């Protein structure tokens, strides 16, 4: 597979030629395996990898794609903003229509191409939106200066004085 200067392979690895299944008729199926390195699915979604097996079955309405794909996401911890690599299992069960007079994104083109990109993009965005912790006991960020308590466990500030209590503080001195 050709890798580009940005480190990603072309998202054409998610476009499958299923013309042979369309010609074979209903009831035929084909297994396909994925093991792609870093893929730029869309301008807003980059995956570290796509791995797994798909079963493509010809039906009267089109091609049914079923299987489990593991996708690698690079996201950030929602407490401390450290980078987190996450393995997400995407269970695929989608009917790609053929022919499709409406031209939906889950259809097969006239040249027999089934494009998994919109489906995988949607699943990646859903998984990324759920939030993840870098570790179970993530300490988070300092609310005053933004220091990461995971990297600086001894980080401390003098407790801020409530302005309403400032005069009382002067009496202690």
N, C-alpha and C. Protein backbone atom coordinates (compact mmCIF):
# COMPACT_ATOMS: atom_id res chain seq x y z
N UNK A 1 0.83 -1.17 0.00
CA UNK A 1 0.00 0.00 0.00
C UNK A 1 0.88 1.23 0.00
N UNK A 2 0.51 2.19 -0.80
CA UNK A 2 1.27 3.42 -0.88
C UNK A 2 0.92 4.33 0.29
N UNK A 3 1.95 4.78 1.01
CA UNK A 3 1.72 5.74 2.08
C UNK A 3 2.14 7.10 1.58
N UNK A 4 1.36 8.11 1.95
CA UNK A 4 1.65 9.47 1.53
C UNK A 4 2.60 10.13 2.52
N UNK A 5 3.10 11.30 2.16
CA UNK A 5 4.05 12.02 3.01
C UNK A 5 3.46 12.32 4.38
N UNK A 6 2.13 12.45 4.46
CA UNK A 6 1.51 12.73 5.75
C UNK A 6 1.36 11.47 6.60
N UNK A 7 1.79 10.31 6.11
CA UNK A 7 1.76 9.07 6.88
C UNK A 7 0.50 8.25 6.72
N UNK A 8 -0.46 8.72 5.96
CA UNK A 8 -1.73 8.02 5.79
C UNK A 8 -1.78 7.32 4.45
N UNK A 9 -2.50 6.19 4.41
CA UNK A 9 -2.78 5.57 3.13
C UNK A 9 -4.05 6.22 2.59
N UNK A 10 -4.26 6.10 1.31
CA UNK A 10 -5.44 6.68 0.68
C UNK A 10 -6.69 5.98 1.18
N UNK A 11 -7.78 6.74 1.34
CA UNK A 11 -9.01 6.13 1.84
C UNK A 11 -9.69 5.25 0.79
N UNK A 12 -9.05 5.06 -0.35
CA UNK A 12 -9.59 4.12 -1.34
C UNK A 12 -9.56 2.68 -0.84
N UNK A 13 -8.80 2.42 0.24
CA UNK A 13 -8.80 1.06 0.80
C UNK A 13 -10.17 0.72 1.38
N UNK A 14 -11.01 1.73 1.60
CA UNK A 14 -12.35 1.51 2.12
C UNK A 14 -13.41 1.46 1.02
N UNK A 15 -12.96 1.52 -0.23
CA UNK A 15 -13.88 1.43 -1.37
C UNK A 15 -13.67 0.07 -2.01
N UNK A 16 -14.72 -0.72 -2.01
CA UNK A 16 -14.63 -2.10 -2.46
C UNK A 16 -15.34 -2.29 -3.79
N UNK A 17 -14.71 -3.01 -4.70
CA UNK A 17 -15.33 -3.35 -5.97
C UNK A 17 -16.16 -4.61 -5.75
N UNK A 18 -17.48 -4.47 -5.84
CA UNK A 18 -18.38 -5.60 -5.62
C UNK A 18 -19.14 -5.95 -6.90
N UNK A 19 -18.62 -5.53 -8.03
CA UNK A 19 -19.28 -5.82 -9.30
C UNK A 19 -19.46 -7.31 -9.54
N UNK A 20 -18.50 -8.11 -9.11
CA UNK A 20 -18.61 -9.56 -9.28
C UNK A 20 -19.77 -10.12 -8.47
N UNK A 21 -20.08 -9.53 -7.32
CA UNK A 21 -21.23 -9.98 -6.52
C UNK A 21 -22.55 -9.55 -7.16
N UNK A 22 -22.55 -8.37 -7.74
CA UNK A 22 -23.78 -7.89 -8.39
C UNK A 22 -24.14 -8.79 -9.56
N UNK A 23 -23.12 -9.24 -10.28
CA UNK A 23 -23.35 -10.13 -11.42
C UNK A 23 -23.69 -11.55 -11.02
N UNK A 24 -23.28 -11.96 -9.82
CA UNK A 24 -23.48 -13.34 -9.39
C UNK A 24 -24.92 -13.61 -8.97
N UNK A 25 -25.62 -12.59 -8.55
CA UNK A 25 -27.02 -12.79 -8.16
C UNK A 25 -27.18 -13.02 -6.67
N UNK A 26 -28.43 -12.97 -6.23
CA UNK A 26 -28.75 -13.09 -4.81
C UNK A 26 -28.30 -14.44 -4.25
N UNK A 27 -27.84 -14.41 -3.00
CA UNK A 27 -27.41 -15.63 -2.33
C UNK A 27 -25.90 -15.83 -2.30
N UNK A 28 -25.16 -15.16 -3.15
CA UNK A 28 -23.70 -15.30 -3.15
C UNK A 28 -23.10 -14.37 -2.10
N UNK A 29 -21.93 -14.76 -1.61
CA UNK A 29 -21.26 -13.94 -0.61
C UNK A 29 -19.76 -14.00 -0.81
N UNK A 30 -19.06 -13.08 -0.17
CA UNK A 30 -17.61 -12.99 -0.27
C UNK A 30 -17.08 -12.44 1.06
N UNK A 31 -15.99 -13.03 1.55
CA UNK A 31 -15.34 -12.57 2.77
C UNK A 31 -14.16 -11.68 2.37
N UNK A 32 -13.99 -10.58 3.09
CA UNK A 32 -12.86 -9.69 2.81
C UNK A 32 -12.24 -9.27 4.14
N UNK A 33 -10.91 -9.26 4.17
CA UNK A 33 -10.19 -8.88 5.37
C UNK A 33 -9.56 -7.50 5.21
N UNK A 34 -9.50 -6.78 6.32
CA UNK A 34 -8.87 -5.47 6.34
C UNK A 34 -7.71 -5.50 7.31
N UNK A 35 -6.59 -4.91 6.89
CA UNK A 35 -5.46 -4.67 7.77
C UNK A 35 -4.71 -3.47 7.20
N UNK A 36 -5.35 -2.32 7.34
CA UNK A 36 -4.79 -1.09 6.77
C UNK A 36 -4.16 -0.25 7.87
N UNK A 37 -2.99 0.31 7.60
CA UNK A 37 -2.37 1.23 8.57
C UNK A 37 -3.13 2.55 8.57
N UNK A 38 -2.54 3.57 9.10
CA UNK A 38 -3.17 4.88 9.27
C UNK A 38 -3.91 5.33 8.01
N UNK A 39 -5.20 5.63 8.18
CA UNK A 39 -6.06 6.01 7.06
C UNK A 39 -6.71 7.35 7.38
N UNK A 40 -6.62 8.28 6.45
CA UNK A 40 -7.38 9.53 6.58
C UNK A 40 -8.72 9.28 5.91
N UNK A 41 -9.75 9.05 6.74
CA UNK A 41 -11.08 8.72 6.26
C UNK A 41 -11.73 9.95 5.64
N UNK A 42 -11.61 11.08 6.31
CA UNK A 42 -12.15 12.36 5.84
C UNK A 42 -11.27 13.45 6.42
N UNK A 43 -11.55 14.70 6.05
CA UNK A 43 -10.74 15.79 6.56
C UNK A 43 -10.77 15.90 8.08
N UNK A 44 -11.85 15.43 8.69
CA UNK A 44 -12.00 15.54 10.14
C UNK A 44 -11.80 14.23 10.89
N UNK A 45 -11.48 13.14 10.20
CA UNK A 45 -11.33 11.84 10.86
C UNK A 45 -10.08 11.13 10.32
N UNK A 46 -9.15 10.88 11.24
CA UNK A 46 -7.96 10.08 10.94
C UNK A 46 -7.99 8.85 11.83
N UNK A 47 -7.71 7.70 11.25
CA UNK A 47 -7.68 6.46 12.01
C UNK A 47 -6.26 5.92 12.04
N UNK A 48 -5.87 5.33 13.16
CA UNK A 48 -4.54 4.73 13.28
C UNK A 48 -4.45 3.43 12.49
N UNK A 49 -5.59 2.72 12.39
CA UNK A 49 -5.65 1.46 11.63
C UNK A 49 -7.10 1.07 11.44
N UNK A 50 -7.30 0.17 10.49
CA UNK A 50 -8.60 -0.49 10.29
C UNK A 50 -8.29 -1.97 10.10
N UNK A 51 -8.83 -2.82 10.99
CA UNK A 51 -8.57 -4.25 10.94
C UNK A 51 -9.86 -5.02 11.16
N UNK A 52 -9.96 -6.16 10.52
CA UNK A 52 -11.11 -7.01 10.75
C UNK A 52 -11.58 -7.73 9.51
N UNK A 53 -12.71 -8.39 9.62
CA UNK A 53 -13.30 -9.18 8.54
C UNK A 53 -14.70 -8.66 8.23
N UNK A 54 -15.03 -8.64 6.96
CA UNK A 54 -16.37 -8.31 6.50
C UNK A 54 -16.89 -9.43 5.63
N UNK A 55 -18.17 -9.68 5.74
CA UNK A 55 -18.85 -10.63 4.86
C UNK A 55 -19.80 -9.81 4.00
N UNK A 56 -19.62 -9.89 2.71
CA UNK A 56 -20.46 -9.19 1.75
C UNK A 56 -21.41 -10.20 1.12
N UNK A 57 -22.71 -10.01 1.31
CA UNK A 57 -23.72 -10.95 0.81
C UNK A 57 -24.62 -10.24 -0.19
N UNK A 58 -24.81 -10.85 -1.33
CA UNK A 58 -25.69 -10.30 -2.37
C UNK A 58 -27.13 -10.60 -2.00
N UNK A 59 -27.95 -9.57 -1.99
CA UNK A 59 -29.38 -9.73 -1.75
C UNK A 59 -30.12 -9.16 -2.95
N UNK A 60 -31.42 -9.26 -2.94
CA UNK A 60 -32.22 -8.71 -4.03
C UNK A 60 -32.18 -7.18 -4.07
N UNK A 61 -31.91 -6.56 -2.93
CA UNK A 61 -31.87 -5.09 -2.85
C UNK A 61 -30.48 -4.50 -3.03
N UNK A 62 -29.43 -5.31 -2.93
CA UNK A 62 -28.07 -4.79 -3.03
C UNK A 62 -27.08 -5.74 -2.39
N UNK A 63 -26.18 -5.18 -1.59
CA UNK A 63 -25.14 -5.97 -0.91
C UNK A 63 -25.21 -5.65 0.58
N UNK A 64 -25.31 -6.70 1.39
CA UNK A 64 -25.34 -6.57 2.84
C UNK A 64 -23.92 -6.76 3.36
N UNK A 65 -23.39 -5.75 4.04
CA UNK A 65 -22.05 -5.81 4.64
C UNK A 65 -22.22 -6.09 6.12
N UNK A 66 -21.57 -7.18 6.60
CA UNK A 66 -21.65 -7.57 8.00
C UNK A 66 -20.26 -7.92 8.49
N UNK A 67 -19.96 -7.52 9.70
CA UNK A 67 -18.68 -7.90 10.28
C UNK A 67 -18.27 -6.99 11.40
N UNK A 68 -17.11 -7.29 11.95
CA UNK A 68 -16.54 -6.51 13.05
C UNK A 68 -15.22 -5.92 12.57
N UNK A 69 -15.10 -4.62 12.70
CA UNK A 69 -13.86 -3.94 12.36
C UNK A 69 -13.33 -3.24 13.61
N UNK A 70 -12.03 -3.35 13.81
CA UNK A 70 -11.37 -2.61 14.88
C UNK A 70 -10.74 -1.38 14.24
N UNK A 71 -11.07 -0.22 14.80
CA UNK A 71 -10.46 1.02 14.31
C UNK A 71 -9.68 1.65 15.45
N UNK A 72 -8.56 2.24 15.10
CA UNK A 72 -7.73 2.91 16.10
C UNK A 72 -7.96 4.40 16.06
N UNK A 73 -8.32 4.96 17.20
CA UNK A 73 -8.54 6.40 17.30
C UNK A 73 -7.47 7.04 18.17
N UNK A 74 -7.03 8.21 17.75
CA UNK A 74 -6.15 9.02 18.59
C UNK A 74 -6.99 10.17 19.09
N UNK A 75 -7.25 10.17 20.38
CA UNK A 75 -8.10 11.18 20.97
C UNK A 75 -7.39 11.76 22.19
N UNK A 76 -8.08 12.54 22.99
CA UNK A 76 -7.45 13.11 24.17
C UNK A 76 -8.30 12.82 25.41
N UNK A 77 -7.60 12.69 26.52
CA UNK A 77 -8.25 12.46 27.80
C UNK A 77 -9.11 13.69 28.13
N UNK A 78 -10.32 13.46 28.59
CA UNK A 78 -11.19 14.60 28.83
C UNK A 78 -10.91 15.30 30.16
N UNK A 79 -10.00 14.77 30.98
CA UNK A 79 -9.61 15.47 32.21
C UNK A 79 -8.29 16.21 32.08
N UNK A 80 -7.30 15.57 31.43
CA UNK A 80 -5.96 16.18 31.40
C UNK A 80 -5.47 16.53 30.00
N UNK A 81 -6.21 16.15 28.97
CA UNK A 81 -5.90 16.45 27.57
C UNK A 81 -4.67 15.73 27.03
N UNK A 82 -4.17 14.68 27.72
CA UNK A 82 -3.09 13.85 27.17
C UNK A 82 -3.62 13.03 26.00
N UNK A 83 -2.74 12.68 25.08
CA UNK A 83 -3.12 11.87 23.93
C UNK A 83 -3.40 10.44 24.39
N UNK A 84 -4.50 9.87 23.89
CA UNK A 84 -4.89 8.51 24.22
C UNK A 84 -5.16 7.75 22.93
N UNK A 85 -4.57 6.57 22.79
CA UNK A 85 -4.87 5.70 21.66
C UNK A 85 -5.93 4.71 22.09
N UNK A 86 -6.99 4.64 21.32
CA UNK A 86 -8.15 3.84 21.70
C UNK A 86 -8.49 2.87 20.58
N UNK A 87 -8.72 1.61 20.95
CA UNK A 87 -9.18 0.60 20.00
C UNK A 87 -10.71 0.52 20.13
N UNK A 88 -11.40 0.74 19.02
CA UNK A 88 -12.86 0.74 19.03
C UNK A 88 -13.36 -0.38 18.12
N UNK A 89 -14.25 -1.19 18.65
CA UNK A 89 -14.87 -2.25 17.85
C UNK A 89 -16.11 -1.67 17.19
N UNK A 90 -16.14 -1.72 15.87
CA UNK A 90 -17.27 -1.23 15.09
C UNK A 90 -17.98 -2.45 14.51
N UNK A 91 -19.21 -2.64 14.92
CA UNK A 91 -20.01 -3.75 14.40
C UNK A 91 -20.79 -3.21 13.20
N UNK A 92 -20.51 -3.78 12.04
CA UNK A 92 -21.12 -3.30 10.80
C UNK A 92 -22.20 -4.28 10.36
N UNK A 93 -23.35 -3.72 10.08
CA UNK A 93 -24.45 -4.46 9.46
C UNK A 93 -25.27 -3.44 8.69
N UNK A 94 -24.92 -3.27 7.44
CA UNK A 94 -25.54 -2.24 6.61
C UNK A 94 -25.83 -2.79 5.23
N UNK A 95 -27.00 -2.43 4.73
CA UNK A 95 -27.39 -2.82 3.37
C UNK A 95 -27.05 -1.66 2.44
N UNK A 96 -26.21 -1.95 1.46
CA UNK A 96 -25.85 -0.98 0.44
C UNK A 96 -26.72 -1.26 -0.78
N UNK A 97 -27.60 -0.34 -1.09
CA UNK A 97 -28.62 -0.54 -2.13
C UNK A 97 -28.01 -0.53 -3.52
N UNK A 98 -28.59 -1.37 -4.39
CA UNK A 98 -28.23 -1.36 -5.81
C UNK A 98 -29.40 -1.89 -6.62
N UNK A 99 -29.85 -1.24 -7.60
CA UNK A 99 -29.55 0.16 -7.91
C UNK A 99 -30.28 1.07 -6.94
N UNK A 100 -29.73 2.26 -6.75
CA UNK A 100 -30.33 3.21 -5.81
C UNK A 100 -30.74 4.47 -6.56
N UNK A 101 -32.04 4.64 -6.79
CA UNK A 101 -32.48 5.83 -7.52
C UNK A 101 -32.30 7.12 -6.73
N UNK A 102 -32.22 7.02 -5.39
CA UNK A 102 -32.09 8.21 -4.55
C UNK A 102 -30.64 8.67 -4.39
N UNK A 103 -29.69 7.79 -4.67
CA UNK A 103 -28.27 8.15 -4.56
C UNK A 103 -27.82 8.39 -3.13
N UNK A 104 -28.28 7.58 -2.19
CA UNK A 104 -27.87 7.75 -0.79
C UNK A 104 -26.41 7.37 -0.62
N UNK A 105 -25.84 7.74 0.54
CA UNK A 105 -24.43 7.43 0.77
C UNK A 105 -24.19 5.94 1.02
N UNK A 106 -25.25 5.20 1.35
CA UNK A 106 -25.13 3.76 1.54
C UNK A 106 -25.70 3.05 0.32
N UNK A 107 -25.06 3.29 -0.79
CA UNK A 107 -25.47 2.65 -2.03
C UNK A 107 -24.23 2.26 -2.82
N UNK A 108 -24.44 1.49 -3.85
CA UNK A 108 -23.36 1.04 -4.71
C UNK A 108 -23.43 1.85 -5.99
N UNK A 109 -22.29 2.36 -6.42
CA UNK A 109 -22.25 3.19 -7.62
C UNK A 109 -22.47 2.35 -8.87
N UNK A 110 -22.67 3.02 -9.97
CA UNK A 110 -22.91 2.34 -11.26
C UNK A 110 -21.74 1.44 -11.66
N UNK A 111 -20.51 1.83 -11.26
CA UNK A 111 -19.34 1.01 -11.62
C UNK A 111 -19.08 -0.12 -10.62
N UNK A 112 -20.00 -0.35 -9.66
CA UNK A 112 -19.89 -1.48 -8.74
C UNK A 112 -19.02 -1.23 -7.53
N UNK A 113 -18.90 0.04 -7.10
CA UNK A 113 -18.07 0.37 -5.95
C UNK A 113 -18.93 0.58 -4.71
N UNK A 114 -18.57 -0.11 -3.65
CA UNK A 114 -19.22 0.02 -2.35
C UNK A 114 -18.26 0.83 -1.48
N UNK A 115 -18.69 1.97 -0.97
CA UNK A 115 -17.83 2.87 -0.21
C UNK A 115 -18.17 2.79 1.28
N UNK A 116 -17.25 2.26 2.08
CA UNK A 116 -17.44 2.15 3.53
C UNK A 116 -17.08 3.43 4.27
N UNK A 117 -16.51 4.41 3.58
CA UNK A 117 -16.02 5.63 4.22
C UNK A 117 -17.08 6.35 5.05
N UNK A 118 -18.28 6.64 4.51
CA UNK A 118 -19.26 7.37 5.34
C UNK A 118 -19.68 6.61 6.60
N UNK A 119 -19.79 5.30 6.49
CA UNK A 119 -20.20 4.48 7.63
C UNK A 119 -19.11 4.47 8.71
N UNK A 120 -17.86 4.28 8.32
CA UNK A 120 -16.77 4.23 9.28
C UNK A 120 -16.52 5.61 9.88
N UNK A 121 -16.68 6.66 9.08
CA UNK A 121 -16.54 8.02 9.60
C UNK A 121 -17.56 8.28 10.68
N UNK A 122 -18.82 7.92 10.43
CA UNK A 122 -19.88 8.15 11.41
C UNK A 122 -19.61 7.37 12.69
N UNK A 123 -19.19 6.12 12.58
CA UNK A 123 -18.91 5.31 13.76
C UNK A 123 -17.73 5.87 14.55
N UNK A 124 -16.71 6.36 13.85
CA UNK A 124 -15.54 6.94 14.52
C UNK A 124 -15.93 8.21 15.27
N UNK A 125 -16.76 9.04 14.67
CA UNK A 125 -17.20 10.27 15.34
C UNK A 125 -18.04 9.96 16.58
N UNK A 126 -18.89 8.96 16.49
CA UNK A 126 -19.70 8.56 17.65
C UNK A 126 -18.80 8.05 18.77
N UNK A 127 -17.83 7.21 18.43
CA UNK A 127 -16.93 6.65 19.44
C UNK A 127 -16.06 7.74 20.07
N UNK A 128 -15.62 8.69 19.26
CA UNK A 128 -14.75 9.76 19.76
C UNK A 128 -15.51 10.72 20.66
N UNK A 129 -16.82 10.82 20.49
CA UNK A 129 -17.63 11.76 21.25
C UNK A 129 -17.92 11.26 22.67
N UNK A 130 -17.67 10.00 22.95
CA UNK A 130 -18.00 9.43 24.25
C UNK A 130 -17.03 9.82 25.36
N UNK A 131 -15.89 10.36 25.03
CA UNK A 131 -14.92 10.77 26.03
C UNK A 131 -14.19 9.57 26.61
N UNK A 132 -12.93 9.75 26.91
CA UNK A 132 -12.11 8.66 27.41
C UNK A 132 -11.10 9.23 28.41
N UNK A 133 -10.75 8.42 29.40
CA UNK A 133 -9.72 8.80 30.37
C UNK A 133 -8.40 8.14 30.00
N UNK A 134 -7.30 8.83 30.24
CA UNK A 134 -5.98 8.25 29.96
C UNK A 134 -5.66 7.13 30.94
N UNK A 135 -6.19 7.22 32.15
CA UNK A 135 -6.06 6.18 33.19
C UNK A 135 -7.22 6.34 34.15
N UNK A 136 -7.50 5.29 34.90
CA UNK A 136 -8.66 5.32 35.80
C UNK A 136 -8.58 6.44 36.83
N UNK A 137 -7.40 6.70 37.35
CA UNK A 137 -7.22 7.71 38.38
C UNK A 137 -6.56 8.97 37.83
N UNK A 138 -7.02 9.42 36.69
CA UNK A 138 -6.46 10.64 36.09
C UNK A 138 -6.70 11.80 37.03
N UNK A 139 -5.64 12.56 37.34
CA UNK A 139 -5.74 13.66 38.29
C UNK A 139 -6.22 14.96 37.66
N UNK A 140 -6.15 15.06 36.35
CA UNK A 140 -6.66 16.26 35.67
C UNK A 140 -5.68 17.41 35.64
N UNK A 141 -6.23 18.61 35.43
CA UNK A 141 -5.44 19.83 35.29
C UNK A 141 -5.66 20.75 36.49
N UNK A 142 -4.65 21.54 36.80
CA UNK A 142 -4.75 22.55 37.85
C UNK A 142 -5.72 23.63 37.37
N UNK A 143 -6.74 23.96 38.14
CA UNK A 143 -7.70 24.96 37.69
C UNK A 143 -7.14 26.38 37.63
N UNK A 144 -5.99 26.62 38.28
CA UNK A 144 -5.43 27.97 38.28
C UNK A 144 -4.45 28.20 37.15
N UNK A 145 -3.55 27.23 36.90
CA UNK A 145 -2.51 27.46 35.90
C UNK A 145 -2.53 26.46 34.75
N UNK A 146 -3.32 25.39 34.85
CA UNK A 146 -3.42 24.42 33.78
C UNK A 146 -2.36 23.33 33.80
N UNK A 147 -1.55 23.26 34.86
CA UNK A 147 -0.53 22.22 34.95
C UNK A 147 -1.20 20.85 35.06
N UNK A 148 -0.57 19.85 34.46
CA UNK A 148 -1.10 18.49 34.48
C UNK A 148 -0.64 17.80 35.77
N UNK A 149 -1.60 17.47 36.64
CA UNK A 149 -1.27 16.82 37.91
C UNK A 149 -0.68 15.43 37.72
N UNK A 150 -0.93 14.77 36.58
CA UNK A 150 -0.35 13.46 36.32
C UNK A 150 1.16 13.56 36.11
N UNK A 151 1.62 14.66 35.51
CA UNK A 151 3.04 14.85 35.22
C UNK A 151 3.75 15.57 36.36
N UNK A 152 3.00 16.36 37.14
CA UNK A 152 3.57 17.12 38.26
C UNK A 152 2.74 16.84 39.52
N UNK A 153 2.92 15.68 40.14
CA UNK A 153 2.07 15.35 41.29
C UNK A 153 2.28 16.26 42.51
N UNK A 154 3.44 16.89 42.60
CA UNK A 154 3.71 17.77 43.74
C UNK A 154 3.32 19.21 43.47
N UNK A 155 2.71 19.47 42.36
CA UNK A 155 2.31 20.83 41.99
C UNK A 155 1.26 21.35 42.98
N UNK A 156 1.50 22.55 43.49
CA UNK A 156 0.54 23.15 44.43
C UNK A 156 0.60 24.66 44.33
N UNK A 157 -0.49 25.28 44.69
CA UNK A 157 -0.59 26.74 44.77
C UNK A 157 -1.05 27.08 46.17
N UNK A 158 -0.71 28.30 46.60
CA UNK A 158 -1.28 28.76 47.85
C UNK A 158 -2.76 28.97 47.61
N UNK A 159 -3.56 28.51 48.52
CA UNK A 159 -5.01 28.59 48.33
C UNK A 159 -5.43 30.06 48.19
N UNK A 160 -6.24 30.36 47.21
CA UNK A 160 -6.68 31.74 47.04
C UNK A 160 -7.59 32.16 48.20
N UNK A 161 -7.47 33.41 48.58
CA UNK A 161 -8.26 33.93 49.68
C UNK A 161 -9.54 34.53 49.12
N UNK A 162 -10.63 34.15 49.74
CA UNK A 162 -11.92 34.72 49.36
C UNK A 162 -11.87 36.21 49.68
N UNK A 163 -12.17 37.09 48.72
CA UNK A 163 -12.06 38.54 48.97
C UNK A 163 -12.96 38.99 50.13
N UNK A 164 -14.00 38.26 50.41
CA UNK A 164 -14.88 38.65 51.52
C UNK A 164 -14.22 38.39 52.86
N UNK A 165 -13.21 37.49 52.87
CA UNK A 165 -12.53 37.13 54.09
C UNK A 165 -11.14 37.79 54.22
N UNK A 166 -10.79 38.66 53.30
CA UNK A 166 -9.45 39.26 53.27
C UNK A 166 -9.17 40.05 54.54
N UNK A 167 -10.13 40.80 55.05
CA UNK A 167 -9.92 41.58 56.27
C UNK A 167 -9.67 40.66 57.46
N UNK A 168 -10.35 39.53 57.53
CA UNK A 168 -10.11 38.59 58.62
C UNK A 168 -8.70 38.00 58.52
N UNK A 169 -8.21 37.78 57.30
CA UNK A 169 -6.86 37.25 57.09
C UNK A 169 -5.83 38.24 57.63
N UNK A 170 -6.09 39.53 57.46
CA UNK A 170 -5.17 40.54 57.96
C UNK A 170 -5.07 40.49 59.49
N UNK A 171 -6.15 40.15 60.15
CA UNK A 171 -6.15 40.07 61.62
C UNK A 171 -5.25 38.93 62.10
N UNK A 172 -5.15 37.85 61.30
CA UNK A 172 -4.29 36.74 61.70
C UNK A 172 -2.82 37.11 61.62
N UNK A 173 -2.49 38.08 60.79
CA UNK A 173 -1.10 38.50 60.66
C UNK A 173 -0.79 39.42 61.79
